[in-house]
C-alpha atoms as a PDB file:
ATOM      1  CA  MET A   1      34.125 -27.961   7.804  1.00  0.00           C
ATOM      2  CA  LEU A   2      30.872 -26.297   8.990  1.00  0.00           C
ATOM      3  CA  LYS A   3      32.368 -23.141   8.630  1.00  0.00           C
ATOM      4  CA  ARG A   4      32.882 -23.270   5.324  1.00  0.00           C
ATOM      5  CA  VAL A   5      29.371 -24.163   4.679  1.00  0.00           C
ATOM      6  CA  LEU A   6      28.394 -21.630   6.679  1.00  0.00           C
ATOM      7  CA  VAL A   7      29.979 -19.108   4.481  1.00  0.00           C
ATOM      8  CA  PHE A   8      28.619 -21.203   1.456  1.00  0.00           C
ATOM      9  CA  THR A   9      25.041 -20.621   2.414  1.00  0.00           C
ATOM     10  CA  LEU A  10      25.312 -17.044   3.294  1.00  0.00           C
ATOM     11  CA  ILE A  11      27.131 -15.939  -0.143  1.00  0.00           C
ATOM     12  CA  LEU A  12      24.672 -18.234  -1.760  1.00  0.00           C
ATOM     13  CA  TYR A  13      21.272 -16.658   0.121  1.00  0.00           C
ATOM     14  CA  GLY A  14      23.129 -13.271  -0.854  1.00  0.00           C
ATOM     15  CA  LEU A  15      23.673 -13.965  -4.420  1.00  0.00           C
ATOM     16  CA  VAL A  16      19.614 -15.494  -4.991  1.00  0.00           C
ATOM     17  CA  GLY A  17      18.215 -12.556  -3.394  1.00  0.00           C
ATOM     18  CA  TYR A  18      20.631 -10.342  -5.744  1.00  0.00           C
ATOM     19  CA  PHE A  19      19.704 -11.814  -8.586  1.00  0.00           C
ATOM     20  CA  ALA A  20      15.417 -12.229  -7.482  1.00  0.00           C
ATOM     21  CA  LEU A  21      15.488  -8.297  -7.352  1.00  0.00           C
ATOM     22  CA  SER A  22      17.970  -7.418  -9.951  1.00  0.00           C
ATOM     23  CA  SER A  23      15.464  -9.987 -12.646  1.00  0.00           C
ATOM     24  CA  ALA A  24      12.208  -7.668 -11.463  1.00  0.00           C
ATOM     25  CA  THR A  25      10.022  -5.410 -13.562  1.00  0.00           C
ATOM     26  CA  SER A  26      11.199  -1.981 -13.115  1.00  0.00           C
ATOM     27  CA  LEU A  27       8.684   0.474 -11.202  1.00  0.00           C
ATOM     28  CA  PRO A  28       7.455   3.319 -13.141  1.00  0.00           C
ATOM     29  CA  VAL A  29       8.725   5.651  -9.878  1.00  0.00           C
ATOM     30  CA  SER A  30       8.082   8.519 -11.755  1.00  0.00           C
ATOM     31  CA  ASP A  31       4.213   8.113 -11.454  1.00  0.00           C
ATOM     32  CA  LEU A  32       4.682   7.440  -7.986  1.00  0.00           C
ATOM     33  CA  VAL A  33       2.175   9.984  -6.377  1.00  0.00           C
ATOM     34  CA  ALA A  34       2.402   9.233  -2.749  1.00  0.00           C
ATOM     35  CA  TRP A  35       4.220   6.397  -0.340  1.00  0.00           C
ATOM     36  CA  TRP A  36       3.222   6.249   3.013  1.00  0.00           C
ATOM     37  CA  SER A  37       6.059   3.746   4.524  1.00  0.00           C
ATOM     38  CA  PHE A  38       5.377   4.676   8.288  1.00  0.00           C
ATOM     39  CA  ASP A  39       9.133   3.998   8.913  1.00  0.00           C
ATOM     40  CA  ASP A  40       9.989   7.367  10.596  1.00  0.00           C
ATOM     41  CA  PRO A  41       9.347   7.528  14.282  1.00  0.00           C
ATOM     42  CA  GLU A  42       9.435  11.132  14.210  1.00  0.00           C
ATOM     43  CA  ASN A  43       7.009  11.411  11.491  1.00  0.00           C
ATOM     44  CA  PRO A  44       5.142   7.935  10.171  1.00  0.00           C
ATOM     45  CA  PHE A  45       2.742  10.204   8.191  1.00  0.00           C
ATOM     46  CA  LYS A  46       5.556  11.170   6.204  1.00  0.00           C
ATOM     47  CA  ASP A  47       5.025  10.989   2.699  1.00  0.00           C
ATOM     48  CA  GLU A  48       8.089   9.573   0.832  1.00  0.00           C
ATOM     49  CA  THR A  49       7.656  11.011  -2.340  1.00  0.00           C
ATOM     50  CA  GLY A  50       7.894  14.499  -0.833  1.00  0.00           C
ATOM     51  CA  ARG A  51       4.365  16.064  -2.724  1.00  0.00           C
ATOM     52  CA  PHE A  52       2.746  15.950   0.252  1.00  0.00           C
ATOM     53  CA  THR A  53       3.884  18.085   3.592  1.00  0.00           C
ATOM     54  CA  ASP A  54       1.078  19.380   4.749  1.00  0.00           C
ATOM     55  CA  ILE A  55      -0.701  16.065   6.073  1.00  0.00           C
ATOM     56  CA  THR A  56      -3.414  16.586   8.707  1.00  0.00           C
ATOM     57  CA  VAL A  57      -4.008  14.184  11.271  1.00  0.00           C
ATOM     58  CA  VAL A  58      -7.280  13.530  12.814  1.00  0.00           C
ATOM     59  CA  ARG A  59      -7.388  11.666  16.513  1.00  0.00           C
ATOM     60  CA  GLY A  60      -3.794  11.598  16.304  1.00  0.00           C
ATOM     61  CA  ASP A  61      -3.525   9.912  19.915  1.00  0.00           C
ATOM     62  CA  LEU A  62      -5.538   6.773  18.309  1.00  0.00           C
ATOM     63  CA  LEU A  63      -2.409   5.977  15.669  1.00  0.00           C
ATOM     64  CA  GLN A  64       0.913   4.041  16.892  1.00  0.00           C
ATOM     65  CA  ALA A  65       3.560   2.941  15.240  1.00  0.00           C
ATOM     66  CA  THR A  66       4.026  -1.144  15.298  1.00  0.00           C
ATOM     67  CA  SER A  67       5.944  -3.421  13.940  1.00  0.00           C
ATOM     68  CA  GLY A  68       5.539  -4.207   9.763  1.00  0.00           C
ATOM     69  CA  VAL A  69       5.655  -5.988   7.174  1.00  0.00           C
ATOM     70  CA  ARG A  70       8.770  -3.967   5.888  1.00  0.00           C
ATOM     71  CA  GLY A  71       9.750  -1.935   8.729  1.00  0.00           C
ATOM     72  CA  ASN A  72       7.229  -0.023  10.671  1.00  0.00           C
ATOM     73  CA  ALA A  73       3.634   0.158  10.326  1.00  0.00           C
ATOM     74  CA  LEU A  74       0.419   2.508  11.403  1.00  0.00           C
ATOM     75  CA  GLU A  75      -1.863   0.855  14.022  1.00  0.00           C
ATOM     76  CA  PHE A  76      -5.291   2.715  13.546  1.00  0.00           C
ATOM     77  CA  GLN A  77      -6.982   2.554  16.864  1.00  0.00           C
ATOM     78  CA  LYS A  78     -10.408   3.313  18.215  1.00  0.00           C
ATOM     79  CA  GLU A  79     -12.503   4.857  21.089  1.00  0.00           C
ATOM     80  CA  GLY A  80     -15.904   4.266  21.084  1.00  0.00           C
ATOM     81  CA  SER A  81     -17.288   4.903  17.734  1.00  0.00           C
ATOM     82  CA  ASP A  82     -13.875   7.335  17.039  1.00  0.00           C
ATOM     83  CA  TYR A  83     -11.281   6.651  14.219  1.00  0.00           C
ATOM     84  CA  PRO A  84      -8.400   8.160  13.345  1.00  0.00           C
ATOM     85  CA  TYR A  85      -7.284   8.927   9.581  1.00  0.00           C
ATOM     86  CA  PHE A  86      -5.081  11.467   8.165  1.00  0.00           C
ATOM     87  CA  TYR A  87      -5.701  13.522   4.665  1.00  0.00           C
ATOM     88  CA  THR A  88      -3.269  15.064   2.510  1.00  0.00           C
ATOM     89  CA  GLU A  89      -3.779  19.343   1.002  1.00  0.00           C
ATOM     90  CA  ALA A  90      -5.770  18.795  -2.412  1.00  0.00           C
ATOM     91  CA  LEU A  91      -4.768  17.482  -5.654  1.00  0.00           C
ATOM     92  CA  LYS A  92      -6.171  17.647  -8.710  1.00  0.00           C
ATOM     93  CA  TRP A  93      -5.453  14.321 -10.396  1.00  0.00           C
ATOM     94  CA  PRO A  94      -3.197  14.183 -13.223  1.00  0.00           C
ATOM     95  CA  THR A  95      -4.945  11.104 -15.152  1.00  0.00           C
ATOM     96  CA  ASN A  96      -7.516   8.943 -15.890  1.00  0.00           C
ATOM     97  CA  SER A  97      -5.842   6.065 -14.667  1.00  0.00           C
ATOM     98  CA  PHE A  98      -4.854   5.073 -11.032  1.00  0.00           C
ATOM     99  CA  THR A  99      -2.974   2.054  -8.660  1.00  0.00           C
ATOM    100  CA  ILE A 100      -3.836   1.948  -5.114  1.00  0.00           C
ATOM    101  CA  ALA A 101      -1.605  -0.557  -2.726  1.00  0.00           C
ATOM    102  CA  GLY A 102      -0.290  -1.358   0.454  1.00  0.00           C
ATOM    103  CA  TRP A 103      -0.712  -4.317   3.127  1.00  0.00           C
ATOM    104  CA  LEU A 104      -3.608  -4.545   5.469  1.00  0.00           C
ATOM    105  CA  LYS A 105      -4.156  -6.321   8.216  1.00  0.00           C
ATOM    106  CA  PRO A 106      -8.045  -5.088   9.785  1.00  0.00           C
ATOM    107  CA  TYR A 107      -8.957  -6.192  13.422  1.00  0.00           C
ATOM    108  CA  SER A 108     -12.160  -6.006  12.233  1.00  0.00           C
ATOM    109  CA  LEU A 109     -14.509  -5.758   8.765  1.00  0.00           C
ATOM    110  CA  ASN A 110     -16.984  -3.850   9.930  1.00  0.00           C
ATOM    111  CA  THR A 111     -16.692   0.062  11.137  1.00  0.00           C
ATOM    112  CA  ASP A 112     -20.133   1.386  10.550  1.00  0.00           C
ATOM    113  CA  TRP A 113     -22.792  -1.131  10.889  1.00  0.00           C
ATOM    114  CA  PHE A 114     -23.138  -2.206   7.453  1.00  0.00           C
ATOM    115  CA  GLY A 115     -19.572  -3.902   6.910  1.00  0.00           C
ATOM    116  CA  TRP A 116     -17.838  -1.476   5.182  1.00  0.00           C
ATOM    117  CA  LEU A 117     -13.919  -0.973   5.705  1.00  0.00           C
ATOM    118  CA  ALA A 118     -12.026   1.962   4.139  1.00  0.00           C
ATOM    119  CA  PHE A 119      -8.496   2.055   2.792  1.00  0.00           C
ATOM    120  CA  VAL A 120      -7.941   5.026   0.573  1.00  0.00           C
ATOM    121  CA  SER A 121     -10.311   7.982  -1.094  1.00  0.00           C
ATOM    122  CA  LYS A 122      -9.765  10.841  -2.903  1.00  0.00           C
ATOM    123  CA  GLY A 123     -12.240  13.746  -2.092  1.00  0.00           C
ATOM    124  CA  GLY A 124     -15.881  12.716  -0.936  1.00  0.00           C
ATOM    125  CA  ASN A 125     -16.115  15.064   2.292  1.00  0.00           C
ATOM    126  CA  GLU A 126     -18.548  17.807   1.681  1.00  0.00           C
ATOM    127  CA  ASP A 127     -16.983  19.545   5.436  1.00  0.00           C
ATOM    128  CA  LEU A 128     -13.706  20.463   3.404  1.00  0.00           C
ATOM    129  CA  ASN A 129     -15.836  21.260   0.083  1.00  0.00           C
ATOM    130  CA  SER A 130     -14.115  18.103  -1.696  1.00  0.00           C
ATOM    131  CA  ASP A 131     -17.657  16.212  -1.606  1.00  0.00           C
ATOM    132  CA  GLU A 132     -16.772  15.500  -5.515  1.00  0.00           C
ATOM    133  CA  ASN A 133     -14.874  12.318  -5.620  1.00  0.00           C
ATOM    134  CA  SER A 134     -12.303  11.138  -7.788  1.00  0.00           C
ATOM    135  CA  PHE A 135     -11.986   7.680  -6.598  1.00  0.00           C
ATOM    136  CA  ASN A 136     -11.913   5.551  -3.854  1.00  0.00           C
ATOM    137  CA  PHE A 137     -10.438   1.697  -2.516  1.00  0.00           C
ATOM    138  CA  GLU A 138     -12.492   0.280   0.561  1.00  0.00           C
ATOM    139  CA  PHE A 139     -14.252  -3.210   1.174  1.00  0.00           C
ATOM    140  CA  TYR A 140     -17.419  -4.766   1.777  1.00  0.00           C
ATOM    141  CA  ASN A 141     -17.513  -7.491   4.053  1.00  0.00           C
ATOM    142  CA  GLY A 142     -13.875  -8.058   3.217  1.00  0.00           C
ATOM    143  CA  LYS A 143     -14.839  -7.757  -0.887  1.00  0.00           C
ATOM    144  CA  GLY A 144     -12.841  -5.157  -2.779  1.00  0.00           C
ATOM    145  CA  HIS A 145     -15.118  -2.310  -3.840  1.00  0.00           C
ATOM    146  CA  VAL A 146     -14.459   0.453  -5.837  1.00  0.00           C
ATOM    147  CA  ARG A 147     -16.345   3.732  -7.142  1.00  0.00           C
ATOM    148  CA  PHE A 148     -15.540   6.528  -9.395  1.00  0.00           C
ATOM    149  CA  GLY A 149     -16.632   8.416 -12.696  1.00  0.00           C
ATOM    150  CA  GLU A 150     -18.523  11.087 -12.971  1.00  0.00           C
ATOM    151  CA  GLN A 151     -22.093  10.190 -12.065  1.00  0.00           C
ATOM    152  CA  ASN A 152     -21.959  10.842  -8.287  1.00  0.00           C
ATOM    153  CA  TRP A 153     -19.700   7.608  -7.690  1.00  0.00           C
ATOM    154  CA  TRP A 154     -22.944   5.694  -9.019  1.00  0.00           C
ATOM    155  CA  ASN A 155     -19.910   3.749 -10.850  1.00  0.00           C
ATOM    156  CA  GLN A 156     -19.779   0.407  -8.760  1.00  0.00           C
ATOM    157  CA  TYR A 157     -17.306  -2.513  -8.613  1.00  0.00           C
ATOM    158  CA  TRP A 158     -16.869  -5.781  -6.556  1.00  0.00           C
ATOM    159  CA  THR A 159     -14.252  -8.695  -6.324  1.00  0.00           C
ATOM    160  CA  PRO A 160     -16.232 -12.144  -6.177  1.00  0.00           C
ATOM    161  CA  ASN A 161     -14.284 -13.036  -2.853  1.00  0.00           C
ATOM    162  CA  PRO A 162     -12.977 -11.127  -0.015  1.00  0.00           C
ATOM    163  CA  MET A 163      -9.797  -9.535  -0.178  1.00  0.00           C
ATOM    164  CA  VAL A 164      -8.901  -8.798   3.191  1.00  0.00           C
ATOM    165  CA  GLU A 165      -9.522 -10.581   6.413  1.00  0.00           C
ATOM    166  CA  GLU A 166      -9.235 -10.104   9.897  1.00  0.00           C
ATOM    167  CA  ASN A 167      -6.039 -10.333  12.089  1.00  0.00           C
ATOM    168  CA  VAL A 168      -4.022 -11.440   8.882  1.00  0.00           C
ATOM    169  CA  PHE A 169      -1.673  -9.492   6.714  1.00  0.00           C
ATOM    170  CA  HIS A 170      -2.683  -8.908   2.789  1.00  0.00           C
ATOM    171  CA  PHE A 171      -1.054  -7.259   0.055  1.00  0.00           C
ATOM    172  CA  VAL A 172      -4.035  -5.762  -1.904  1.00  0.00           C
ATOM    173  CA  ALA A 173      -3.995  -3.637  -4.888  1.00  0.00           C
ATOM    174  CA  VAL A 174      -6.397  -1.986  -7.552  1.00  0.00           C
ATOM    175  CA  THR A 175      -5.511  -0.626 -10.904  1.00  0.00           C
ATOM    176  CA  TYR A 176      -7.664   0.992 -13.449  1.00  0.00           C
ATOM    177  CA  ASP A 177      -6.172   1.869 -17.490  1.00  0.00           C
ATOM    178  CA  GLY A 178      -9.347   4.064 -18.432  1.00  0.00           C
ATOM    179  CA  SER A 179     -10.835   1.235 -19.579  1.00  0.00           C
ATOM    180  CA  THR A 180     -10.154  -2.154 -17.278  1.00  0.00           C
ATOM    181  CA  LEU A 181     -10.482  -2.352 -13.341  1.00  0.00           C
ATOM    182  CA  ARG A 182      -8.175  -4.565 -11.658  1.00  0.00           C
ATOM    183  CA  PHE A 183      -7.776  -6.129  -8.437  1.00  0.00           C
ATOM    184  CA  TYR A 184      -5.270  -8.070  -6.912  1.00  0.00           C
ATOM    185  CA  LYS A 185      -4.909 -10.034  -3.412  1.00  0.00           C
ATOM    186  CA  ASP A 186      -1.054 -10.955  -2.626  1.00  0.00           C
ATOM    187  CA  ALA A 187       0.204 -10.174  -6.272  1.00  0.00           C
ATOM    188  CA  SER A 188      -2.667 -12.870  -7.769  1.00  0.00           C
ATOM    189  CA  LEU A 189      -5.699 -10.998 -10.152  1.00  0.00           C
ATOM    190  CA  VAL A 190      -8.702 -11.940  -8.021  1.00  0.00           C
ATOM    191  CA  GLY A 191     -11.111  -9.446 -10.113  1.00  0.00           C
ATOM    192  CA  GLU A 192     -11.358  -7.642 -13.490  1.00  0.00           C
ATOM    193  CA  VAL A 193     -14.000  -5.411 -14.749  1.00  0.00           C
ATOM    194  CA  ASN A 194     -13.777  -3.637 -18.218  1.00  0.00           C
ATOM    195  CA  ILE A 195     -15.750  -0.062 -18.001  1.00  0.00           C
ATOM    196  CA  SER A 196     -15.856   3.247 -19.251  1.00  0.00           C
ATOM    197  CA  ALA A 197     -16.008   5.509 -16.374  1.00  0.00           C
ATOM    198  CA  GLY A 198     -13.822   8.464 -16.262  1.00  0.00           C
ATOM    199  CA  ILE A 199     -12.231   9.428 -13.509  1.00  0.00           C
ATOM    200  CA  GLN A 200     -13.420  13.227 -12.089  1.00  0.00           C
ATOM    201  CA  ALA A 201     -10.547  15.764 -11.573  1.00  0.00           C
ATOM    202  CA  ALA A 202     -11.995  17.232  -8.695  1.00  0.00           C
ATOM    203  CA  ASN A 203      -9.250  19.212  -6.332  1.00  0.00           C
ATOM    204  CA  SER A 204      -9.760  17.389  -3.409  1.00  0.00           C
ATOM    205  CA  PRO A 205      -7.787  15.331  -0.765  1.00  0.00           C
ATOM    206  CA  ILE A 206      -6.623  11.784  -0.578  1.00  0.00           C
ATOM    207  CA  TYR A 207      -7.795  10.426   2.787  1.00  0.00           C
ATOM    208  CA  VAL A 208      -6.120   7.470   4.104  1.00  0.00           C
ATOM    209  CA  GLY A 209      -8.144   5.354   6.728  1.00  0.00           C
ATOM    210  CA  ALA A 210     -11.361   6.817   5.743  1.00  0.00           C
ATOM    211  CA  ASP A 211     -14.335   6.884   3.416  1.00  0.00           C
ATOM    212  CA  PHE A 212     -16.831   9.437   3.712  1.00  0.00           C
ATOM    213  CA  PRO A 213     -19.577   8.900   1.034  1.00  0.00           C
ATOM    214  CA  GLY A 214     -22.771   7.243   2.607  1.00  0.00           C
ATOM    215  CA  SER A 215     -22.235   6.110   5.698  1.00  0.00           C
ATOM    216  CA  ASP A 216     -18.948   7.344   6.902  1.00  0.00           C
ATOM    217  CA  ASN A 217     -16.469   4.363   7.546  1.00  0.00           C
ATOM    218  CA  TYR A 218     -12.974   4.129   8.048  1.00  0.00           C
ATOM    219  CA  PHE A 219      -9.950   1.444   8.778  1.00  0.00           C
ATOM    220  CA  TYR A 220      -9.394  -0.577  12.310  1.00  0.00           C
ATOM    221  CA  GLY A 221      -6.149  -2.549  12.276  1.00  0.00           C
ATOM    222  CA  ILE A 222      -2.930  -2.142  10.655  1.00  0.00           C
ATOM    223  CA  MET A 223      -1.704  -0.548   7.001  1.00  0.00           C
ATOM    224  CA  ASP A 224       2.173  -0.767   6.084  1.00  0.00           C
ATOM    225  CA  GLU A 225       3.837   0.429   2.658  1.00  0.00           C
ATOM    226  CA  VAL A 226       1.016   2.511   1.339  1.00  0.00           C
ATOM    227  CA  THR A 227       1.360   3.860  -2.270  1.00  0.00           C
ATOM    228  CA  LEU A 228      -0.496   5.686  -4.678  1.00  0.00           C
ATOM    229  CA  TRP A 229       0.229   5.895  -8.716  1.00  0.00           C
ATOM    230  CA  GLN A 230      -0.958   7.863 -11.500  1.00  0.00           C
ATOM    231  CA  THR A 231      -1.022   5.230 -13.532  1.00  0.00           C
ATOM    232  CA  ALA A 232      -2.003   1.201 -13.852  1.00  0.00           C
ATOM    233  CA  LEU A 233       0.663  -0.845 -13.140  1.00  0.00           C
ATOM    234  CA  SER A 234       0.819  -4.096 -15.030  1.00  0.00           C
ATOM    235  CA  SER A 235       0.749  -7.495 -13.443  1.00  0.00           C
ATOM    236  CA  ASP A 236       4.583  -8.084 -13.376  1.00  0.00           C
ATOM    237  CA  GLN A 237       4.566  -4.373 -11.448  1.00  0.00           C
ATOM    238  CA  ILE A 238       2.071  -5.384  -9.222  1.00  0.00           C
ATOM    239  CA  SER A 239       4.427  -8.881  -8.798  1.00  0.00           C
ATOM    240  CA  THR A 240       7.785  -6.362  -8.217  1.00  0.00           C
ATOM    241  CA  LEU A 241       5.875  -4.184  -5.710  1.00  0.00           C
ATOM    242  CA  TYR A 242       4.874  -7.266  -3.934  1.00  0.00           C
ATOM    243  CA  SER A 243       8.528  -8.620  -3.652  1.00  0.00           C
ATOM    244  CA  TYR A 244      10.012  -5.428  -2.489  1.00  0.00           C
ATOM    245  CA  ASN A 245       7.107  -5.720   0.327  1.00  0.00           C
ATOM    246  CA  GLY A 246       4.992  -3.067  -0.731  1.00  0.00           C
ATOM    247  CA  ALA A 247       7.975  -0.443  -1.409  1.00  0.00           C
ATOM    248  CA  PRO A 248       8.438   1.133  -5.112  1.00  0.00           C
ATOM    249  CA  VAL A 249      11.914   0.528  -4.287  1.00  0.00           C
ATOM    250  CA  PRO A 250      13.888  -2.404  -3.832  1.00  0.00           C
ATOM    251  CA  LEU A 251      14.045  -3.516  -0.134  1.00  0.00           C
ATOM    252  CA  PRO A 252      17.609  -3.094   1.642  1.00  0.00           C
ATOM    253  CA  ALA A 253      17.452  -6.951   3.013  1.00  0.00           C
ATOM    254  CA  GLY A 254      18.571  -8.100  -0.551  1.00  0.00           C
ATOM    255  CA  VAL A 255      21.341  -5.749  -0.766  1.00  0.00           C
ATOM    256  CA  TRP A 256      22.310  -6.683   3.478  1.00  0.00           C
ATOM    257  CA  LEU A 257      21.756 -10.321   2.360  1.00  0.00           C
ATOM    258  CA  LEU A 258      24.506 -10.107  -0.476  1.00  0.00           C
ATOM    259  CA  GLY A 259      26.890  -7.868   1.867  1.00  0.00           C
ATOM    260  CA  GLY A 260      26.516  -9.945   4.695  1.00  0.00           C
ATOM    261  CA  GLY A 261      27.505 -12.975   2.240  1.00  0.00           C
ATOM    262  CA  LEU A 262      30.289 -11.385   1.173  1.00  0.00           C
ATOM    263  CA  LEU A 263      31.614 -10.035   4.251  1.00  0.00           C
ATOM    264  CA  GLY A 264      31.277 -13.117   5.899  1.00  0.00           C
ATOM    265  CA  TRP A 265      33.548 -14.992   3.509  1.00  0.00           C
ATOM    266  CA  GLY A 266      35.812 -12.342   3.946  1.00  0.00           C
ATOM    267  CA  ILE A 267      36.316 -12.650   7.669  1.00  0.00           C
ATOM    268  CA  PHE A 268      36.165 -16.358   7.904  1.00  0.00           C
ATOM    269  CA  ARG A 269      38.935 -15.797   5.142  1.00  0.00           C
ATOM    270  CA  ARG A 270      41.314 -13.814   7.011  1.00  0.00           C
ATOM    271  CA  LYS A 271      40.745 -15.655  10.375  1.00  0.00           C
ATOM    272  CA  TYR A 272      40.974 -19.381   8.546  1.00  0.00           C
ATOM    273  CA  SER A 273      43.874 -19.347   5.977  1.00  0.00           C
ATOM    274  CA  TRP A 274      41.864 -22.773   4.733  1.00  0.00           C
ATOM    275  CA  CYS A 275      38.777 -20.491   3.338  1.00  0.00           C
END
């Protein structure tokens, strides 16, 4: 009787996972600009889309693979006032919209003595002739913060409440569709503002773990499943991304559960004729 219950549970669990994934709102993967899963131990900085192949790593000795929300993640350590980060080759942003998303587990919310914590930024480093910024997503005392536009980054927007906290994983995302900026925490809308700023289409790199305009600030903690899109994902699509644990494609886990349930059923059926 116990074996029958076990087999039924495996099959039911697998079917639930399968139908949950199949009913999710589809994601526009053709609009995916970059995806860092950090799962490849030989090349943790690999962009899974294949768009960026020349990744520059700064203080790579302070970047370590660790367990994440989905597979491996990347730990950003520090040494004194030195922080690691990496950036892509230059890219001219193709649209007037974007989505930035990922899992963050910061060890500290303050990396520059002023309360700033970096996540992703495009441009902003005058040393690389990329001081014209397209946009960024960072945090001020834990509150989500985005600044971008055509007037030297003076278009700035905050969430009313913190989006990240120390030593806890949260899925964070920001979207901009050309008129409305929306912030999401664990797939729930936590901030929204209508704006008219445009995105600078400057030819500049994408930085992960660093933000340079004003006081340079960095990321200290763990990141996982970082994605950039050239479109504003809808709230349903953000929920789908969250249900996939931040990956732009369905998780293998749902398939494994289904396969495991059916395989278990087959094995028990062969071994026990009463199944």
